[in-house]
Amino acid sequence: MSPLPFTKMHGLGNDFVILDLRGGLAPPTPALARAIADRRRGVGFDQLITIEDAQEPQSAAYMGIYNPDGSRSGACGNATRCVAHILMNEADSDALTLRTDFGLLACQSAAGGLVRVNMGSPKLDWQDIPLADASDTVRIDVKLGPIDNPSLWGPGAVNMGNPHAVFFVDDADAVSVDGLGPMIENHPMFPERTNVEFCHVIDRGRIRMRVWERGAGITQACGSGACAAVVAGVRRGLIDRKCIVDLDGGPLTIEWDAHDDVYMTGPVALSYTGEIGPDILAQAAREDRAA
């Protein structure tokens, strides 16, 4: 098997292995995604990203998103900035549109080497999150702990290409993200599981957020999660429609505009390039044959 070239990038520490599959190369199987995800025997990533041939004239490419457990995701804001950066440099352009499973995302260069992405309109109906039961998504009936004195309750639910449960707490840094995150991710209210954000309000223009990502665990940053957190905070009257979100890896600027579009602005960084070796490819092929 021939080695498979890749690019390693990150957005605020949210790290990606990016495969350029344009020209009709086959997308990775779940087994290959899991093998590459292994941070000891593979490369390691928060998400595996593919750049594939454009599906329509208005898009530069299709972007596929895989979690470390091999499952698919519909959106990844930090990765969208990274892929847009690659393709804008390639085309010597300062703007382009990417196709994702969430739809077409318009991207452009911003001051200071940042990239701005229109992440589209949030989905807010309970069926679109999706939730198991009809609920007001401003504050859904999800609790942890005793019914009469829960330790955590009432997240906002937002779909930004993937489902998010956003909790507003007194101190996000005091939350046991690795303890509570998996329980919320797999709560019966979320039939497709969910990303989980823990936030506290600093002021109306700034919040602190930590995140547990569905299929990935704790990450340094989550672009779609930051968008979901601002939407949830605005709906609850806690913050303004333009807000800085302080993540473990650094800040993102999020704006939910009057036309219902959510814009995310933040940095990108190249870590290194390399090749996925034949041993990893062969291991994944054996798992696929055995499945």
Protein backbone atom coordinates (compact mmCIF):
# COMPACT_ATOMS: atom_id res chain seq x y z
CA MET A 1 0.00 0.00 0.00
CA SER A 2 1.27 3.45 -0.91
CA PRO A 3 1.65 5.98 1.91
CA LEU A 4 -1.19 8.49 2.27
CA PRO A 5 -0.05 12.16 2.54
CA PHE A 6 -1.62 14.33 5.24
CA THR A 7 -1.44 17.81 6.71
CA LYS A 8 -1.64 18.39 10.48
CA MET A 9 -3.25 21.71 11.46
CA HIS A 10 -5.02 23.18 14.45
CA GLY A 11 -7.33 26.00 15.39
CA LEU A 12 -6.66 27.10 18.99
CA GLY A 13 -5.31 23.64 19.81
CA ASN A 14 -8.29 21.81 18.28
CA ASP A 15 -6.18 19.56 16.03
CA PHE A 16 -6.87 17.90 12.70
CA VAL A 17 -5.39 15.43 10.27
CA ILE A 18 -6.38 16.70 6.82
CA LEU A 19 -6.44 14.34 3.82
CA ASP A 20 -6.60 15.83 0.32
CA LEU A 21 -8.68 13.28 -1.60
CA ARG A 22 -9.45 15.40 -4.65
CA GLY A 23 -9.21 13.49 -7.90
CA GLY A 24 -11.61 10.77 -6.80
CA LEU A 25 -9.61 9.11 -4.01
CA ALA A 26 -11.77 7.01 -1.71
CA PRO A 27 -12.82 8.53 1.63
CA PRO A 28 -11.55 6.83 4.81
CA THR A 29 -13.46 3.99 6.40
CA PRO A 30 -14.34 4.22 10.11
CA ALA A 31 -11.54 1.72 10.80
CA LEU A 32 -8.97 3.91 9.05
CA ALA A 33 -10.21 6.99 10.92
CA ARG A 34 -9.79 5.14 14.23
CA ALA A 35 -6.30 3.93 13.29
CA ILE A 36 -5.10 7.42 12.33
CA ALA A 37 -6.69 8.82 15.51
CA ASP A 38 -4.52 6.68 17.80
CA ARG A 39 -2.09 9.18 19.36
CA ARG A 40 0.45 6.41 20.17
CA ARG A 41 0.33 4.17 17.09
CA GLY A 42 -1.17 6.56 14.54
CA VAL A 43 -1.04 10.34 14.25
CA GLY A 44 -3.76 11.57 16.57
CA PHE A 45 -6.46 14.16 16.03
CA ASP A 46 -9.62 15.67 17.43
CA GLN A 47 -11.16 15.30 13.96
CA LEU A 48 -10.07 13.74 10.68
CA ILE A 49 -10.89 16.05 7.77
CA THR A 50 -11.13 15.22 4.08
CA ILE A 51 -10.93 17.64 1.17
CA GLU A 52 -12.92 16.10 -1.68
CA ASP A 53 -13.97 17.19 -5.16
CA ALA A 54 -16.54 19.98 -5.33
CA GLN A 55 -20.13 18.88 -5.77
CA GLU A 56 -21.35 22.08 -7.45
CA PRO A 57 -19.83 25.12 -9.21
CA GLN A 58 -20.30 27.50 -6.26
CA SER A 59 -18.14 25.45 -3.86
CA ALA A 60 -14.37 25.05 -3.91
CA ALA A 61 -14.46 21.58 -2.35
CA TYR A 62 -16.44 19.24 -0.13
CA MET A 63 -15.17 18.87 3.45
CA GLY A 64 -15.81 15.57 5.26
CA ILE A 65 -15.49 15.29 9.06
CA TYR A 66 -14.74 12.16 11.11
CA ASN A 67 -14.48 11.79 14.89
CA PRO A 68 -11.76 9.68 16.57
CA ASP A 69 -14.27 6.87 17.13
CA GLY A 70 -14.88 6.69 13.36
CA SER A 71 -18.31 8.37 13.44
CA ARG A 72 -19.19 11.27 11.14
CA SER A 73 -19.89 14.87 12.11
CA GLY A 74 -21.79 17.46 10.11
CA ALA A 75 -19.77 20.54 11.12
CA CYS A 76 -16.44 21.62 12.58
CA GLY A 77 -15.80 25.34 12.73
CA ASN A 78 -12.10 25.26 13.53
CA ALA A 79 -11.44 22.74 10.75
CA THR A 80 -13.46 24.82 8.30
CA ARG A 81 -11.08 27.72 8.90
CA CYS A 82 -8.06 25.44 8.36
CA VAL A 83 -9.36 23.98 5.09
CA ALA A 84 -10.41 27.42 3.86
CA HIS A 85 -6.89 28.71 4.61
CA ILE A 86 -5.33 25.87 2.57
CA LEU A 87 -7.62 26.39 -0.41
CA MET A 88 -7.49 30.20 -0.38
CA ASN A 89 -3.68 30.05 -0.44
CA GLU A 90 -3.83 27.50 -3.24
CA ALA A 91 -6.16 29.68 -5.33
CA ASP A 92 -4.52 32.98 -4.32
CA SER A 93 -7.95 34.15 -3.19
CA ASP A 94 -9.32 35.81 -0.07
CA ALA A 95 -12.76 34.16 -0.18
CA LEU A 96 -14.38 30.84 -1.09
CA THR A 97 -17.27 28.54 -0.22
CA LEU A 98 -17.00 25.01 1.21
CA ARG A 99 -19.62 22.28 1.05
CA THR A 100 -20.19 20.38 4.31
CA ASP A 101 -22.97 18.06 5.43
CA PHE A 102 -24.50 21.12 7.17
CA GLY A 103 -24.58 23.04 3.90
CA LEU A 104 -22.51 25.66 2.08
CA LEU A 105 -20.18 27.71 4.31
CA ALA A 106 -18.78 31.00 3.01
CA CYS A 107 -15.22 31.71 4.21
CA GLN A 108 -12.97 34.74 3.89
CA SER A 109 -9.63 36.08 5.07
CA ALA A 110 -9.79 38.54 7.97
CA ALA A 111 -7.33 41.02 9.45
CA GLY A 112 -4.37 39.65 11.38
CA GLY A 113 -4.19 36.37 9.48
CA LEU A 114 -7.55 35.22 10.84
CA VAL A 115 -10.27 33.41 8.91
CA ARG A 116 -13.98 34.29 9.11
CA VAL A 117 -16.66 31.69 8.38
CA ASN A 118 -20.40 32.05 7.98
CA MET A 119 -21.48 28.95 9.89
CA GLY A 120 -25.09 29.30 8.73
CA SER A 121 -28.29 29.53 10.73
CA PRO A 122 -28.73 27.56 13.94
CA LYS A 123 -31.41 24.89 14.07
CA LEU A 124 -33.51 25.37 17.21
CA ASP A 125 -36.58 23.14 16.90
CA TRP A 126 -36.41 20.08 19.13
CA GLN A 127 -36.78 17.71 16.17
CA ASP A 128 -33.75 19.29 14.48
CA ILE A 129 -31.33 18.95 17.41
CA PRO A 130 -32.56 16.13 17.56
CA LEU A 131 -34.13 15.48 20.98
CA ALA A 132 -36.02 12.38 22.07
CA ASP A 133 -38.98 14.39 23.41
CA ALA A 134 -40.70 17.66 22.52
CA SER A 135 -38.98 20.44 24.48
CA ASP A 136 -38.45 24.19 24.60
CA THR A 137 -34.82 24.27 23.45
CA VAL A 138 -34.05 27.49 25.36
CA ARG A 139 -33.80 25.28 28.44
CA ILE A 140 -34.44 21.55 28.06
CA ASP A 141 -35.34 19.14 30.85
CA VAL A 142 -31.99 17.42 31.37
CA LYS A 143 -30.73 16.99 34.94
CA LEU A 144 -27.81 15.30 36.68
CA GLY A 145 -28.03 14.43 40.37
CA PRO A 146 -31.03 14.29 42.71
CA ILE A 147 -34.31 15.35 41.11
CA ASP A 148 -35.05 17.88 43.87
CA ASN A 149 -31.49 19.25 43.97
CA PRO A 150 -29.68 18.55 40.68
CA SER A 151 -26.00 19.39 40.37
CA LEU A 152 -26.47 20.32 36.71
CA TRP A 153 -29.66 21.06 34.81
CA GLY A 154 -31.42 22.95 32.05
CA PRO A 155 -29.01 23.28 29.09
CA GLY A 156 -29.90 25.15 25.95
CA ALA A 157 -30.05 22.92 22.86
CA VAL A 158 -28.70 24.12 19.51
CA ASN A 159 -27.80 22.35 16.28
CA MET A 160 -24.92 23.98 14.37
CA GLY A 161 -24.42 21.05 12.01
CA ASN A 162 -24.17 18.79 15.04
CA PRO A 163 -26.10 18.78 18.34
CA HIS A 164 -24.98 20.86 21.32
CA ALA A 165 -26.12 21.01 24.94
CA VAL A 166 -24.99 24.33 26.45
CA PHE A 167 -24.90 24.69 30.24
CA PHE A 168 -24.44 28.08 31.91
CA VAL A 169 -22.74 27.56 35.26
CA ASP A 170 -21.18 29.69 37.99
CA ASP A 171 -17.61 28.73 37.06
CA ALA A 172 -16.80 26.71 33.95
CA ASP A 173 -13.28 26.06 35.24
CA ALA A 174 -14.65 24.29 38.32
CA VAL A 175 -16.73 21.81 36.28
CA SER A 176 -15.56 18.19 35.96
CA VAL A 177 -15.78 18.14 32.17
CA ASP A 178 -14.39 14.61 31.88
CA GLY A 179 -16.82 13.37 34.53
CA LEU A 180 -20.01 15.11 33.39
CA GLY A 181 -19.35 15.35 29.66
CA PRO A 182 -19.77 11.63 28.84
CA MET A 183 -22.98 11.39 30.86
CA ILE A 184 -24.57 14.29 28.98
CA GLU A 185 -23.21 13.13 25.61
CA ASN A 186 -24.99 9.80 26.06
CA HIS A 187 -28.11 11.08 27.85
CA PRO A 188 -31.35 9.47 26.56
CA MET A 189 -32.62 12.92 25.53
CA PHE A 190 -30.04 12.92 22.70
CA PRO A 191 -30.65 9.98 20.33
CA GLU A 192 -27.63 10.95 18.21
CA ARG A 193 -25.54 11.89 21.27
CA THR A 194 -24.43 15.49 21.77
CA ASN A 195 -21.51 17.86 22.22
CA VAL A 196 -21.51 19.48 25.66
CA GLU A 197 -20.47 23.04 26.52
CA PHE A 198 -19.97 24.45 30.02
CA CYS A 199 -19.96 28.26 30.09
CA HIS A 200 -19.98 31.18 32.46
CA VAL A 201 -20.66 34.80 31.58
CA ILE A 202 -17.80 37.26 32.13
CA ASP A 203 -19.79 40.19 30.76
CA ARG A 204 -22.30 40.69 27.97
CA GLY A 205 -19.55 40.63 25.38
CA ARG A 206 -17.45 37.73 26.71
CA ILE A 207 -17.97 34.20 28.02
CA ARG A 208 -15.68 31.42 29.20
CA MET A 209 -16.35 27.98 27.69
CA ARG A 210 -15.03 24.46 28.11
CA VAL A 211 -16.16 21.61 25.90
CA TRP A 212 -16.71 17.87 25.69
CA GLU A 213 -17.02 16.86 22.02
CA ARG A 214 -19.19 13.98 20.89
CA GLY A 215 -16.94 11.11 19.84
CA ALA A 216 -13.74 12.97 20.79
CA GLY A 217 -13.86 13.99 24.47
CA ILE A 218 -12.25 17.12 25.90
CA THR A 219 -10.77 19.39 23.24
CA GLN A 220 -8.95 22.71 23.47
CA ALA A 221 -11.56 24.46 21.35
CA CYS A 222 -14.75 23.79 19.41
CA GLY A 223 -15.87 26.29 16.77
CA SER A 224 -19.41 24.98 16.31
CA GLY A 225 -19.67 24.72 20.10
CA ALA A 226 -18.66 28.37 20.52
CA CYS A 227 -21.34 29.32 17.99
CA ALA A 228 -23.92 27.21 19.84
CA ALA A 229 -22.92 28.76 23.18
CA VAL A 230 -23.46 32.30 21.90
CA VAL A 231 -26.82 31.38 20.36
CA ALA A 232 -27.90 29.74 23.63
CA GLY A 233 -26.71 32.70 25.68
CA VAL A 234 -28.48 35.24 23.49
CA ARG A 235 -31.73 33.25 23.62
CA ARG A 236 -31.51 33.29 27.41
CA GLY A 237 -30.82 37.04 27.51
CA LEU A 238 -27.38 36.63 29.06
CA ILE A 239 -25.10 38.09 26.37
CA ASP A 240 -25.02 40.28 23.27
CA ARG A 241 -25.23 38.92 19.73
CA LYS A 242 -21.51 39.59 19.18
CA CYS A 243 -19.37 37.94 21.81
CA ILE A 244 -15.83 36.70 22.46
CA VAL A 245 -15.69 33.08 23.60
CA ASP A 246 -12.63 32.20 25.70
CA LEU A 247 -11.76 28.52 25.18
CA ASP A 248 -8.92 26.49 26.68
CA GLY A 249 -6.94 27.12 23.47
CA GLY A 250 -7.74 30.82 23.12
CA PRO A 251 -10.51 33.19 21.97
CA LEU A 252 -12.98 33.06 19.08
CA THR A 253 -15.20 35.94 18.04
CA ILE A 254 -18.78 34.87 17.36
CA GLU A 255 -21.58 37.02 15.93
CA TRP A 256 -25.22 35.94 15.44
CA ASP A 257 -26.46 38.58 13.04
CA ALA A 258 -29.95 39.95 12.38
CA HIS A 259 -30.32 37.70 9.32
CA ASP A 260 -29.92 34.58 11.55
CA ASP A 261 -26.41 33.73 10.30
CA VAL A 262 -23.66 32.90 12.81
CA TYR A 263 -20.17 34.16 11.97
CA MET A 264 -17.01 32.75 13.57
CA THR A 265 -13.60 34.44 13.34
CA GLY A 266 -10.37 32.90 14.59
CA PRO A 267 -6.81 31.75 13.80
CA VAL A 268 -5.36 28.73 12.01
CA ALA A 269 -1.94 27.10 12.35
CA LEU A 270 0.07 24.54 10.38
CA SER A 271 1.77 21.94 12.58
CA TYR A 272 3.48 19.67 10.03
CA THR A 273 2.97 17.44 6.99
CA GLY A 274 3.61 13.73 6.73
CA GLU A 275 2.43 10.39 5.40
CA ILE A 276 0.17 7.70 6.83
CA GLY A 277 2.36 4.60 6.60
CA PRO A 278 1.49 1.20 5.14
CA ASP A 279 1.24 -0.47 8.57
CA ILE A 280 -1.66 1.78 9.61
CA LEU A 281 -3.36 1.38 6.23
CA ALA A 282 -2.98 -2.42 6.39
CA GLN A 283 -4.33 -2.57 9.95
CA ALA A 284 -7.43 -0.62 8.93
CA ALA A 285 -7.92 -2.84 5.86
CA ARG A 286 -7.82 -5.96 8.06
CA GLU A 287 -10.46 -4.49 10.37
CA ASP A 288 -12.65 -3.62 7.38
CA ARG A 289 -12.41 -7.17 6.02
CA ALA A 290 -13.28 -8.60 9.43
CA ALA A 291 -16.29 -6.32 9.92
